[in-house]
Every structure is written in structure tokens, then in C-alpha cells.
């Protein structure tokens, strides 16, 4: 079996978690990340967003095995003073294979894809059950949310469902690192049942 492919990726450590299929607005103001975004716009518009809370973990050290999500810049709005606002869309997950020392002020690493380890038999039925629980929670709310993500049981459902709940970033990161959709849905099911109970 061939080893997983490695590729170079600029990294943006932040105390937030980006999920595949999600979008996230970002305010870019530090000079090194302005440079990173400029480089991304010149290339494939992609960087790695990595959860890192400097107040809890100290300096970011591009630790091997750290899991993040590739962010694609889908909208970019420069501001007159050099800052910018951008909208990033989460693509696939990655794991850091090795940090890179380069001439850039921002972080870079060699990363590998971080996919689920195996397909889950009966996953479509589990998606239906999880979606039914979610819909029961929505019906129980005093007023329906203004907008909800599209839900399709024929495709991966745990990440779109995850975007509907508000939990702390460390819990979100542990969720991002799970490599089995069935396990991710079980965690969400527990949250939905607690909301209904």
C-alpha cells in the first residue's frame, strides 16, 4: 500500500473549528496572515485552519498529528488599511505530518489527508434517525431558526448537523478528529436527545 500523499499547506491557527462543508467569515489583520492570504489568492486559494487556543496550549508548534480542515477562500474583501474580510469554506480534513521551516512569517506544514477509516454499514439509516431527532428538536423550539443547512441522507450528514449546535471549541475539535461517521452521529444523537429531554 502506498503511503498517504503529503502536500505543503500554509496554516492559520485559531481558537475556532472549521468543519467540512461549513463556511466561516474571517477578519485578517496580522501582517503575517495578510501575506499568507495574498499568497493563497495567487495560488489555489487554500490554507489549513487549525484549532489552537494559545491561552490554553501556549505557542503553536505545528505538532505532528494535529487535525485541521482545509479552508478555501470563496470571497475576499480588501479594506483600505491593508486588512481584509474573507469567507472561507471548509473542504476536507488533514493531519500535520511535519512542520516546515521557511522564509515566511506564517506557519506551513506538510500535511496528509485525514479521511474516515472505513465506510459504516447501515450509515444511511443512521443518518435518517439522526435527522429525525434533529427535526424533532427544531419543532420543539419556540421559533424556527431563520436558516438551516441543507440535509441529505445520501451524503455525509454529521458535519452539516454539527453546524446546528453550539458547543465549546474543544468538543468540536474532538468531533472533527473522529474518523467514523457513525460515531459522530452517535455524539450528535446524544446532544439532540438531551435537548428533547
N, C-alpha and C. Protein backbone atom coordinates (compact mmCIF):
# COMPACT_ATOMS: atom_id res chain seq x y z
N UNK A 1 0.85 -1.19 0.00
CA UNK A 1 0.00 0.00 0.00
C UNK A 1 0.88 1.24 0.00
N UNK A 2 0.54 2.21 -0.85
CA UNK A 2 1.31 3.45 -0.90
C UNK A 2 1.06 4.29 0.34
N UNK A 3 2.11 4.98 0.82
CA UNK A 3 1.88 5.89 1.96
C UNK A 3 0.99 7.04 1.55
N UNK A 4 0.28 7.65 2.50
CA UNK A 4 -0.60 8.78 2.15
C UNK A 4 0.20 9.89 1.49
N UNK A 5 -0.40 10.54 0.51
CA UNK A 5 0.31 11.64 -0.15
C UNK A 5 0.46 12.80 0.84
N UNK A 6 1.57 13.49 0.70
CA UNK A 6 1.84 14.66 1.53
C UNK A 6 1.85 15.89 0.64
N UNK A 7 1.41 16.99 1.16
CA UNK A 7 1.50 18.23 0.40
C UNK A 7 1.71 19.39 1.37
N UNK A 8 2.24 20.47 0.84
CA UNK A 8 2.57 21.65 1.64
C UNK A 8 1.34 22.53 1.77
N UNK A 9 1.12 23.04 2.98
CA UNK A 9 -0.07 23.85 3.23
C UNK A 9 0.25 24.97 4.21
N UNK A 10 -0.11 26.22 3.90
CA UNK A 10 0.00 27.28 4.92
C UNK A 10 -1.05 27.05 6.00
N UNK A 11 -0.71 27.38 7.23
CA UNK A 11 -1.60 27.11 8.36
C UNK A 11 -2.01 28.40 9.06
N UNK A 12 -3.25 28.42 9.50
CA UNK A 12 -3.79 29.56 10.26
C UNK A 12 -4.34 28.99 11.57
N UNK A 13 -3.58 29.03 12.66
CA UNK A 13 -4.10 28.54 13.95
C UNK A 13 -5.02 29.57 14.59
N UNK A 14 -6.21 29.12 14.98
CA UNK A 14 -7.21 29.99 15.60
C UNK A 14 -7.96 29.20 16.67
N UNK A 15 -8.57 29.86 17.65
CA UNK A 15 -9.32 29.15 18.68
C UNK A 15 -10.75 28.81 18.24
N UNK A 16 -10.90 28.41 16.97
CA UNK A 16 -12.20 28.01 16.42
C UNK A 16 -11.98 26.76 15.57
N UNK A 17 -13.08 26.07 15.27
CA UNK A 17 -13.01 24.85 14.45
C UNK A 17 -13.84 25.05 13.19
N UNK A 18 -13.23 24.75 12.06
CA UNK A 18 -13.93 24.77 10.78
C UNK A 18 -14.23 23.33 10.39
N UNK A 19 -15.47 23.07 9.95
CA UNK A 19 -15.87 21.73 9.53
C UNK A 19 -16.01 21.66 8.01
N UNK A 20 -15.79 20.48 7.45
CA UNK A 20 -16.08 20.31 6.03
C UNK A 20 -17.53 20.74 5.74
N UNK A 21 -17.72 21.42 4.64
CA UNK A 21 -19.00 21.94 4.14
C UNK A 21 -19.44 23.24 4.82
N UNK A 22 -18.79 23.63 5.92
CA UNK A 22 -19.20 24.86 6.63
C UNK A 22 -18.52 26.07 6.01
N UNK A 23 -19.09 27.24 6.24
CA UNK A 23 -18.45 28.50 5.87
C UNK A 23 -18.15 29.29 7.13
N UNK A 24 -17.11 30.11 7.06
CA UNK A 24 -16.70 30.90 8.23
C UNK A 24 -16.14 32.24 7.77
N UNK A 25 -16.67 33.35 8.31
CA UNK A 25 -16.08 34.65 8.00
C UNK A 25 -14.82 34.86 8.84
N UNK A 26 -13.80 35.46 8.25
CA UNK A 26 -12.55 35.73 8.96
C UNK A 26 -12.10 37.16 8.70
N UNK A 27 -11.61 37.79 9.75
CA UNK A 27 -11.05 39.14 9.66
C UNK A 27 -9.53 38.97 9.69
N UNK A 28 -8.85 39.37 8.64
CA UNK A 28 -7.40 39.19 8.53
C UNK A 28 -6.73 40.53 8.80
N UNK A 29 -5.96 40.59 9.90
CA UNK A 29 -5.34 41.87 10.25
C UNK A 29 -3.85 41.76 10.55
N UNK A 30 -3.38 40.60 11.05
CA UNK A 30 -1.95 40.46 11.34
C UNK A 30 -1.16 40.46 10.04
N UNK A 31 -0.03 41.17 9.99
CA UNK A 31 0.75 41.23 8.74
C UNK A 31 1.13 39.85 8.18
N UNK A 32 1.50 38.89 9.04
CA UNK A 32 1.91 37.59 8.50
C UNK A 32 0.74 36.86 7.83
N UNK A 33 -0.48 37.04 8.36
CA UNK A 33 -1.62 36.37 7.75
C UNK A 33 -2.15 37.14 6.54
N UNK A 34 -1.90 38.45 6.51
CA UNK A 34 -2.17 39.20 5.28
C UNK A 34 -1.30 38.63 4.15
N UNK A 35 -0.03 38.36 4.48
CA UNK A 35 0.89 37.78 3.50
C UNK A 35 0.41 36.39 3.09
N UNK A 36 -0.01 35.59 4.06
CA UNK A 36 -0.48 34.24 3.76
C UNK A 36 -1.68 34.28 2.81
N UNK A 37 -2.64 35.16 3.11
CA UNK A 37 -3.84 35.25 2.27
C UNK A 37 -3.46 35.72 0.87
N UNK A 38 -2.54 36.69 0.77
CA UNK A 38 -2.11 37.16 -0.56
C UNK A 38 -1.51 36.01 -1.36
N UNK A 39 -0.70 35.18 -0.71
CA UNK A 39 -0.10 34.03 -1.38
C UNK A 39 -1.18 33.03 -1.80
N UNK A 40 -2.15 32.79 -0.93
CA UNK A 40 -3.23 31.86 -1.25
C UNK A 40 -4.03 32.35 -2.46
N UNK A 41 -4.30 33.65 -2.51
CA UNK A 41 -5.06 34.21 -3.63
C UNK A 41 -4.29 34.09 -4.95
N UNK A 42 -2.97 34.10 -4.87
CA UNK A 42 -2.14 33.93 -6.06
C UNK A 42 -2.13 32.47 -6.53
N UNK A 43 -2.41 31.56 -5.62
CA UNK A 43 -2.31 30.13 -5.92
C UNK A 43 -3.71 29.51 -5.98
N UNK A 44 -3.99 28.53 -5.09
CA UNK A 44 -5.26 27.78 -5.17
C UNK A 44 -6.30 28.24 -4.17
N UNK A 45 -6.03 29.37 -3.46
CA UNK A 45 -6.98 29.97 -2.52
C UNK A 45 -7.22 29.10 -1.29
N UNK A 46 -6.29 28.20 -0.96
CA UNK A 46 -6.49 27.27 0.15
C UNK A 46 -5.43 27.42 1.23
N UNK A 47 -5.87 27.26 2.48
CA UNK A 47 -4.96 27.20 3.62
C UNK A 47 -5.57 26.24 4.63
N UNK A 48 -4.80 25.88 5.63
CA UNK A 48 -5.30 24.98 6.66
C UNK A 48 -5.69 25.74 7.91
N UNK A 49 -6.93 25.61 8.33
CA UNK A 49 -7.35 26.21 9.60
C UNK A 49 -7.23 25.14 10.68
N UNK A 50 -6.46 25.47 11.72
CA UNK A 50 -6.16 24.53 12.79
C UNK A 50 -6.65 25.12 14.11
N UNK A 51 -7.41 24.32 14.87
CA UNK A 51 -7.85 24.79 16.19
C UNK A 51 -6.64 24.86 17.13
N UNK A 52 -6.42 26.05 17.70
CA UNK A 52 -5.36 26.21 18.70
C UNK A 52 -5.71 27.40 19.58
N UNK A 53 -5.86 27.13 20.87
CA UNK A 53 -6.14 28.19 21.84
C UNK A 53 -4.83 28.48 22.58
N UNK A 54 -4.21 29.59 22.21
CA UNK A 54 -2.90 29.92 22.78
C UNK A 54 -2.97 30.10 24.29
N UNK A 55 -4.12 30.55 24.82
CA UNK A 55 -4.25 30.74 26.27
C UNK A 55 -4.26 29.42 27.02
N UNK A 56 -4.65 28.34 26.35
CA UNK A 56 -4.69 27.02 26.99
C UNK A 56 -3.45 26.20 26.66
N UNK A 57 -3.02 26.24 25.39
CA UNK A 57 -1.95 25.36 24.93
C UNK A 57 -0.60 26.04 24.76
N UNK A 58 -0.53 27.36 24.89
CA UNK A 58 0.73 28.05 24.65
C UNK A 58 0.97 28.23 23.16
N UNK A 59 2.24 28.49 22.79
CA UNK A 59 2.53 28.75 21.38
C UNK A 59 2.19 27.57 20.47
N UNK A 60 1.81 27.90 19.25
CA UNK A 60 1.52 26.87 18.25
C UNK A 60 2.84 26.33 17.73
N UNK A 61 2.98 24.99 17.73
CA UNK A 61 4.25 24.37 17.37
C UNK A 61 4.14 23.41 16.19
N UNK A 62 3.10 23.52 15.39
CA UNK A 62 2.86 22.62 14.25
C UNK A 62 3.07 21.16 14.66
N UNK A 63 2.41 20.76 15.76
CA UNK A 63 2.58 19.42 16.29
C UNK A 63 2.13 18.36 15.30
N UNK A 64 2.95 17.34 15.11
CA UNK A 64 2.62 16.24 14.20
C UNK A 64 1.35 15.55 14.70
N UNK A 65 0.46 15.27 13.77
CA UNK A 65 -0.80 14.60 14.10
C UNK A 65 -1.95 15.54 14.34
N UNK A 66 -1.69 16.84 14.48
CA UNK A 66 -2.77 17.81 14.67
C UNK A 66 -3.70 17.77 13.47
N UNK A 67 -5.00 17.74 13.74
CA UNK A 67 -6.01 17.64 12.68
C UNK A 67 -6.66 19.01 12.47
N UNK A 68 -6.79 19.39 11.22
CA UNK A 68 -7.46 20.63 10.87
C UNK A 68 -8.34 20.43 9.65
N UNK A 69 -8.82 21.54 9.11
CA UNK A 69 -9.69 21.49 7.94
C UNK A 69 -9.16 22.46 6.89
N UNK A 70 -9.10 22.01 5.66
CA UNK A 70 -8.69 22.90 4.58
C UNK A 70 -9.78 23.94 4.36
N UNK A 71 -9.36 25.20 4.31
CA UNK A 71 -10.26 26.32 4.09
C UNK A 71 -10.00 26.89 2.70
N UNK A 72 -11.04 27.02 1.92
CA UNK A 72 -10.93 27.63 0.59
C UNK A 72 -11.55 29.03 0.66
N UNK A 73 -10.80 30.01 0.19
CA UNK A 73 -11.31 31.39 0.18
C UNK A 73 -12.33 31.51 -0.94
N UNK A 74 -13.59 31.75 -0.57
CA UNK A 74 -14.65 31.86 -1.58
C UNK A 74 -15.06 33.31 -1.81
N UNK A 75 -14.71 34.20 -0.88
CA UNK A 75 -14.99 35.62 -1.07
C UNK A 75 -13.91 36.40 -0.34
N UNK A 76 -13.41 37.45 -0.96
CA UNK A 76 -12.32 38.25 -0.39
C UNK A 76 -12.65 39.72 -0.56
N UNK A 77 -12.64 40.46 0.55
CA UNK A 77 -12.94 41.89 0.52
C UNK A 77 -11.77 42.65 1.16
N UNK A 78 -10.90 43.27 0.34
CA UNK A 78 -9.81 44.06 0.93
C UNK A 78 -10.34 45.33 1.57
N UNK A 79 -9.70 45.77 2.64
CA UNK A 79 -10.05 47.02 3.31
C UNK A 79 -8.95 48.04 3.03
N UNK A 80 -9.27 49.34 3.11
CA UNK A 80 -8.29 50.37 2.72
C UNK A 80 -6.97 50.33 3.48
N UNK A 81 -6.98 49.87 4.74
CA UNK A 81 -5.76 49.91 5.54
C UNK A 81 -4.93 48.63 5.44
N UNK A 82 -5.27 47.74 4.50
CA UNK A 82 -4.49 46.51 4.34
C UNK A 82 -5.11 45.29 4.99
N UNK A 83 -6.05 45.52 5.92
CA UNK A 83 -6.78 44.39 6.48
C UNK A 83 -7.74 43.86 5.43
N UNK A 84 -8.36 42.74 5.71
CA UNK A 84 -9.35 42.20 4.77
C UNK A 84 -10.38 41.36 5.52
N UNK A 85 -11.49 41.18 4.87
CA UNK A 85 -12.53 40.25 5.33
C UNK A 85 -12.63 39.17 4.27
N UNK A 86 -12.74 37.93 4.73
CA UNK A 86 -12.90 36.86 3.75
C UNK A 86 -13.91 35.85 4.27
N UNK A 87 -14.45 35.09 3.33
CA UNK A 87 -15.32 33.97 3.66
C UNK A 87 -14.59 32.71 3.23
N UNK A 88 -14.44 31.79 4.18
CA UNK A 88 -13.76 30.53 3.90
C UNK A 88 -14.77 29.39 3.95
N UNK A 89 -14.61 28.43 3.05
CA UNK A 89 -15.46 27.24 3.04
C UNK A 89 -14.60 26.03 3.39
N UNK A 90 -15.10 25.21 4.33
CA UNK A 90 -14.37 24.02 4.74
C UNK A 90 -14.44 22.93 3.68
N UNK A 91 -13.30 22.37 3.35
CA UNK A 91 -13.23 21.26 2.41
C UNK A 91 -12.93 19.99 3.20
N UNK A 92 -11.86 19.28 2.87
CA UNK A 92 -11.57 18.04 3.58
C UNK A 92 -10.66 18.28 4.79
N UNK A 93 -10.59 17.28 5.65
CA UNK A 93 -9.72 17.34 6.82
C UNK A 93 -8.30 16.93 6.44
N UNK A 94 -7.35 17.36 7.26
CA UNK A 94 -5.95 16.97 7.07
C UNK A 94 -5.32 16.75 8.44
N UNK A 95 -4.15 16.09 8.44
CA UNK A 95 -3.34 15.94 9.65
C UNK A 95 -1.93 16.43 9.33
N UNK A 96 -1.33 17.12 10.29
CA UNK A 96 0.03 17.61 10.09
C UNK A 96 0.99 16.42 10.15
N UNK A 97 1.81 16.29 9.09
CA UNK A 97 2.82 15.23 9.04
C UNK A 97 4.19 15.75 9.47
N UNK A 98 4.44 17.04 9.22
CA UNK A 98 5.73 17.62 9.60
C UNK A 98 5.64 19.13 9.44
N UNK A 99 6.20 19.85 10.40
CA UNK A 99 6.28 21.30 10.27
C UNK A 99 7.36 21.68 9.28
N UNK A 100 7.23 22.86 8.69
CA UNK A 100 8.21 23.33 7.71
C UNK A 100 8.79 24.64 8.21
N UNK A 101 10.10 24.72 8.20
CA UNK A 101 10.75 26.00 8.46
C UNK A 101 10.98 26.66 7.11
N UNK A 102 10.41 27.83 6.94
CA UNK A 102 10.55 28.52 5.66
C UNK A 102 10.85 29.98 5.92
N UNK A 103 11.02 30.72 4.86
CA UNK A 103 11.29 32.14 4.99
C UNK A 103 10.06 32.97 5.28
N UNK A 104 8.89 32.32 5.32
CA UNK A 104 7.64 33.05 5.56
C UNK A 104 7.40 33.24 7.06
N UNK A 105 6.71 34.32 7.39
CA UNK A 105 6.41 34.60 8.80
C UNK A 105 5.25 33.75 9.31
N UNK A 106 4.40 33.26 8.39
CA UNK A 106 3.28 32.43 8.80
C UNK A 106 3.71 30.96 8.85
N UNK A 107 2.86 30.13 9.45
CA UNK A 107 3.18 28.70 9.61
C UNK A 107 2.90 27.94 8.32
N UNK A 108 3.72 26.92 8.08
CA UNK A 108 3.49 25.99 6.98
C UNK A 108 3.81 24.59 7.47
N UNK A 109 3.19 23.62 6.83
CA UNK A 109 3.45 22.23 7.22
C UNK A 109 3.25 21.31 6.03
N UNK A 110 3.84 20.14 6.12
CA UNK A 110 3.48 19.05 5.23
C UNK A 110 2.30 18.35 5.88
N UNK A 111 1.24 18.14 5.12
CA UNK A 111 0.04 17.52 5.68
C UNK A 111 -0.36 16.32 4.82
N UNK A 112 -1.18 15.46 5.42
CA UNK A 112 -1.73 14.31 4.71
C UNK A 112 -3.25 14.33 4.86
N UNK A 113 -3.97 13.74 3.91
CA UNK A 113 -5.43 13.67 4.05
C UNK A 113 -5.81 12.90 5.32
N UNK A 114 -6.92 13.29 5.92
CA UNK A 114 -7.41 12.66 7.15
C UNK A 114 -8.86 12.26 6.90
N UNK A 115 -9.02 11.11 6.27
CA UNK A 115 -10.36 10.65 5.90
C UNK A 115 -10.89 9.66 6.93
N UNK A 116 -12.18 9.37 6.84
CA UNK A 116 -12.75 8.32 7.69
C UNK A 116 -12.05 7.00 7.36
N UNK A 117 -11.93 6.14 8.38
CA UNK A 117 -11.15 4.92 8.21
C UNK A 117 -11.91 3.82 7.47
N UNK A 118 -13.22 3.84 7.56
CA UNK A 118 -13.98 2.76 6.89
C UNK A 118 -15.40 3.23 6.66
N UNK A 119 -16.02 2.70 5.59
CA UNK A 119 -17.44 3.01 5.42
C UNK A 119 -18.25 2.29 6.49
N UNK A 120 -19.31 2.89 6.93
CA UNK A 120 -20.13 2.34 8.01
C UNK A 120 -21.37 1.68 7.39
N UNK A 121 -21.50 0.37 7.60
CA UNK A 121 -22.68 -0.33 7.09
C UNK A 121 -23.93 0.23 7.78
N UNK A 122 -24.96 0.42 7.01
CA UNK A 122 -26.21 0.94 7.57
C UNK A 122 -26.16 2.42 7.90
N UNK A 123 -25.16 3.13 7.34
CA UNK A 123 -25.00 4.54 7.71
C UNK A 123 -26.18 5.39 7.24
N UNK A 124 -26.77 5.04 6.09
CA UNK A 124 -27.88 5.87 5.61
C UNK A 124 -29.07 5.80 6.56
N UNK A 125 -29.32 4.63 7.12
CA UNK A 125 -30.40 4.51 8.10
C UNK A 125 -30.09 5.30 9.36
N UNK A 126 -28.82 5.27 9.79
CA UNK A 126 -28.42 6.06 10.96
C UNK A 126 -28.60 7.55 10.67
N UNK A 127 -28.26 7.97 9.45
CA UNK A 127 -28.46 9.38 9.09
C UNK A 127 -29.93 9.76 9.20
N UNK A 128 -30.82 8.87 8.75
CA UNK A 128 -32.26 9.16 8.83
C UNK A 128 -32.69 9.33 10.29
N UNK A 129 -32.21 8.45 11.17
CA UNK A 129 -32.57 8.55 12.60
C UNK A 129 -32.05 9.85 13.21
N UNK A 130 -30.81 10.19 12.89
CA UNK A 130 -30.23 11.42 13.43
C UNK A 130 -30.97 12.65 12.91
N UNK A 131 -31.32 12.63 11.63
CA UNK A 131 -32.04 13.75 11.05
C UNK A 131 -33.43 13.88 11.67
N UNK A 132 -34.08 12.75 11.95
CA UNK A 132 -35.40 12.79 12.60
C UNK A 132 -35.28 13.39 14.00
N UNK A 133 -34.24 13.04 14.75
CA UNK A 133 -34.01 13.63 16.08
C UNK A 133 -33.80 15.14 15.97
N UNK A 134 -32.97 15.52 15.00
CA UNK A 134 -32.70 16.95 14.80
C UNK A 134 -33.99 17.70 14.47
N UNK A 135 -34.79 17.14 13.58
CA UNK A 135 -36.05 17.79 13.21
C UNK A 135 -37.01 17.89 14.38
N UNK A 136 -36.98 16.89 15.27
CA UNK A 136 -37.81 16.95 16.48
C UNK A 136 -37.36 18.09 17.39
N UNK A 137 -36.05 18.30 17.47
CA UNK A 137 -35.52 19.42 18.27
C UNK A 137 -35.98 20.74 17.67
N UNK A 138 -35.86 20.86 16.34
CA UNK A 138 -36.26 22.11 15.67
C UNK A 138 -37.75 22.39 15.92
N UNK A 139 -38.59 21.33 15.82
CA UNK A 139 -40.04 21.52 16.05
C UNK A 139 -40.33 21.95 17.49
N UNK A 140 -39.48 21.53 18.43
CA UNK A 140 -39.71 21.86 19.84
C UNK A 140 -39.26 23.29 20.20
N UNK A 141 -38.53 23.94 19.31
CA UNK A 141 -38.06 25.30 19.59
C UNK A 141 -39.24 26.27 19.58
N UNK A 142 -39.15 27.36 20.37
CA UNK A 142 -40.23 28.35 20.39
C UNK A 142 -40.45 28.99 19.02
N UNK A 143 -39.36 29.19 18.27
CA UNK A 143 -39.47 29.71 16.90
C UNK A 143 -38.42 29.03 16.05
N UNK A 144 -38.78 28.75 14.81
CA UNK A 144 -37.86 28.04 13.92
C UNK A 144 -36.69 28.94 13.54
N UNK A 145 -35.45 28.39 13.49
CA UNK A 145 -34.30 29.21 13.08
C UNK A 145 -34.51 29.79 11.69
N UNK A 146 -33.89 30.95 11.45
CA UNK A 146 -34.06 31.65 10.18
C UNK A 146 -33.56 30.82 9.00
N UNK A 147 -32.42 30.14 9.18
CA UNK A 147 -31.90 29.32 8.08
C UNK A 147 -31.22 28.08 8.65
N UNK A 148 -31.37 27.00 7.94
CA UNK A 148 -30.74 25.72 8.32
C UNK A 148 -30.00 25.17 7.12
N UNK A 149 -28.89 24.46 7.35
CA UNK A 149 -28.18 23.89 6.20
C UNK A 149 -29.00 22.80 5.53
N UNK A 150 -28.70 22.57 4.25
CA UNK A 150 -29.36 21.50 3.50
C UNK A 150 -28.97 20.17 4.11
N UNK A 151 -29.93 19.27 4.24
CA UNK A 151 -29.67 17.95 4.82
C UNK A 151 -30.03 16.88 3.80
N UNK A 152 -29.07 16.01 3.50
CA UNK A 152 -29.27 14.96 2.51
C UNK A 152 -28.71 13.67 3.06
N UNK A 153 -29.56 12.68 3.29
CA UNK A 153 -29.11 11.42 3.90
C UNK A 153 -28.29 10.56 2.95
N UNK A 154 -28.18 10.95 1.69
CA UNK A 154 -27.37 10.17 0.75
C UNK A 154 -25.90 10.57 0.80
N UNK A 155 -25.59 11.65 1.54
CA UNK A 155 -24.20 12.08 1.67
C UNK A 155 -23.87 12.26 3.16
N UNK A 156 -22.60 12.48 3.45
CA UNK A 156 -22.13 12.65 4.82
C UNK A 156 -23.00 13.69 5.52
N UNK A 157 -23.54 13.33 6.69
CA UNK A 157 -24.51 14.20 7.36
C UNK A 157 -24.01 14.76 8.68
N UNK A 158 -23.00 14.13 9.28
CA UNK A 158 -22.61 14.56 10.63
C UNK A 158 -22.06 15.98 10.66
N UNK A 159 -21.29 16.38 9.65
CA UNK A 159 -20.74 17.73 9.68
C UNK A 159 -21.80 18.80 9.45
N UNK A 160 -22.72 18.63 8.48
CA UNK A 160 -23.80 19.62 8.38
C UNK A 160 -24.65 19.71 9.65
N UNK A 161 -24.93 18.57 10.29
CA UNK A 161 -25.70 18.60 11.54
C UNK A 161 -24.91 19.28 12.66
N UNK A 162 -23.61 19.06 12.69
CA UNK A 162 -22.77 19.65 13.73
C UNK A 162 -22.85 21.17 13.70
N UNK A 163 -23.02 21.74 12.51
CA UNK A 163 -23.07 23.20 12.38
C UNK A 163 -24.30 23.79 13.05
N UNK A 164 -25.27 22.97 13.44
CA UNK A 164 -26.50 23.49 14.02
C UNK A 164 -26.45 23.61 15.54
N UNK A 165 -25.39 23.06 16.16
CA UNK A 165 -25.35 23.10 17.63
C UNK A 165 -24.22 23.99 18.11
N UNK A 166 -24.40 24.53 19.30
CA UNK A 166 -23.43 25.45 19.87
C UNK A 166 -22.76 24.77 21.07
N UNK A 167 -21.54 24.29 20.85
CA UNK A 167 -20.76 23.66 21.92
C UNK A 167 -19.36 24.26 21.90
N UNK A 168 -18.59 24.02 22.97
CA UNK A 168 -17.27 24.65 23.04
C UNK A 168 -16.32 24.07 21.99
N UNK A 169 -15.30 24.86 21.68
CA UNK A 169 -14.40 24.52 20.57
C UNK A 169 -13.62 23.24 20.82
N UNK A 170 -13.26 22.94 22.06
CA UNK A 170 -12.52 21.70 22.33
C UNK A 170 -13.39 20.48 21.99
N UNK A 171 -14.69 20.55 22.31
CA UNK A 171 -15.62 19.46 21.96
C UNK A 171 -15.72 19.35 20.44
N UNK A 172 -15.79 20.48 19.77
CA UNK A 172 -15.86 20.50 18.31
C UNK A 172 -14.61 19.87 17.70
N UNK A 173 -13.44 20.17 18.29
CA UNK A 173 -12.20 19.61 17.75
C UNK A 173 -12.17 18.09 17.92
N UNK A 174 -12.61 17.60 19.07
CA UNK A 174 -12.68 16.15 19.27
C UNK A 174 -13.62 15.51 18.25
N UNK A 175 -14.70 16.19 17.93
CA UNK A 175 -15.66 15.72 16.93
C UNK A 175 -14.99 15.67 15.54
N UNK A 176 -14.26 16.73 15.20
CA UNK A 176 -13.57 16.79 13.91
C UNK A 176 -12.60 15.62 13.75
N UNK A 177 -11.99 15.20 14.84
CA UNK A 177 -10.97 14.15 14.79
C UNK A 177 -11.55 12.74 14.69
N UNK A 178 -12.84 12.56 14.96
CA UNK A 178 -13.44 11.23 14.85
C UNK A 178 -13.42 10.78 13.40
N UNK A 179 -13.03 9.52 13.17
CA UNK A 179 -12.86 9.04 11.80
C UNK A 179 -13.93 8.03 11.40
N UNK A 180 -15.08 8.14 12.02
CA UNK A 180 -16.20 7.23 11.72
C UNK A 180 -17.48 8.06 11.80
N UNK A 181 -18.19 8.17 10.69
CA UNK A 181 -19.40 9.00 10.69
C UNK A 181 -20.44 8.49 11.68
N UNK A 182 -20.54 7.16 11.83
CA UNK A 182 -21.49 6.60 12.79
C UNK A 182 -21.20 7.08 14.20
N UNK A 183 -19.93 7.13 14.59
CA UNK A 183 -19.57 7.62 15.92
C UNK A 183 -19.90 9.10 16.07
N UNK A 184 -19.67 9.87 15.00
CA UNK A 184 -20.00 11.29 15.07
C UNK A 184 -21.51 11.48 15.23
N UNK A 185 -22.30 10.69 14.49
CA UNK A 185 -23.76 10.79 14.61
C UNK A 185 -24.22 10.39 16.00
N UNK A 186 -23.59 9.37 16.60
CA UNK A 186 -23.97 8.97 17.96
C UNK A 186 -23.78 10.13 18.94
N UNK A 187 -22.69 10.87 18.79
CA UNK A 187 -22.47 12.03 19.67
C UNK A 187 -23.56 13.08 19.48
N UNK A 188 -23.91 13.32 18.23
CA UNK A 188 -24.97 14.30 17.96
C UNK A 188 -26.32 13.80 18.48
N UNK A 189 -26.59 12.51 18.31
CA UNK A 189 -27.86 11.95 18.80
C UNK A 189 -28.00 12.21 20.30
N UNK A 190 -26.91 12.03 21.04
CA UNK A 190 -26.94 12.25 22.49
C UNK A 190 -27.28 13.72 22.80
N UNK A 191 -26.71 14.64 22.03
CA UNK A 191 -27.00 16.07 22.23
C UNK A 191 -28.46 16.36 21.93
N UNK A 192 -28.97 15.80 20.82
CA UNK A 192 -30.36 16.05 20.44
C UNK A 192 -31.32 15.45 21.46
N UNK A 193 -31.03 14.24 21.94
CA UNK A 193 -31.90 13.62 22.97
C UNK A 193 -31.90 14.45 24.25
N UNK A 194 -30.74 14.97 24.63
CA UNK A 194 -30.68 15.80 25.83
C UNK A 194 -31.51 17.07 25.65
N UNK A 195 -31.48 17.64 24.44
CA UNK A 195 -32.28 18.85 24.17
C UNK A 195 -33.77 18.54 24.25
N UNK A 196 -34.15 17.34 23.80
CA UNK A 196 -35.57 16.98 23.84
C UNK A 196 -36.02 16.59 25.25
N UNK A 197 -35.08 16.10 26.06
CA UNK A 197 -35.43 15.62 27.41
C UNK A 197 -35.50 16.73 28.42
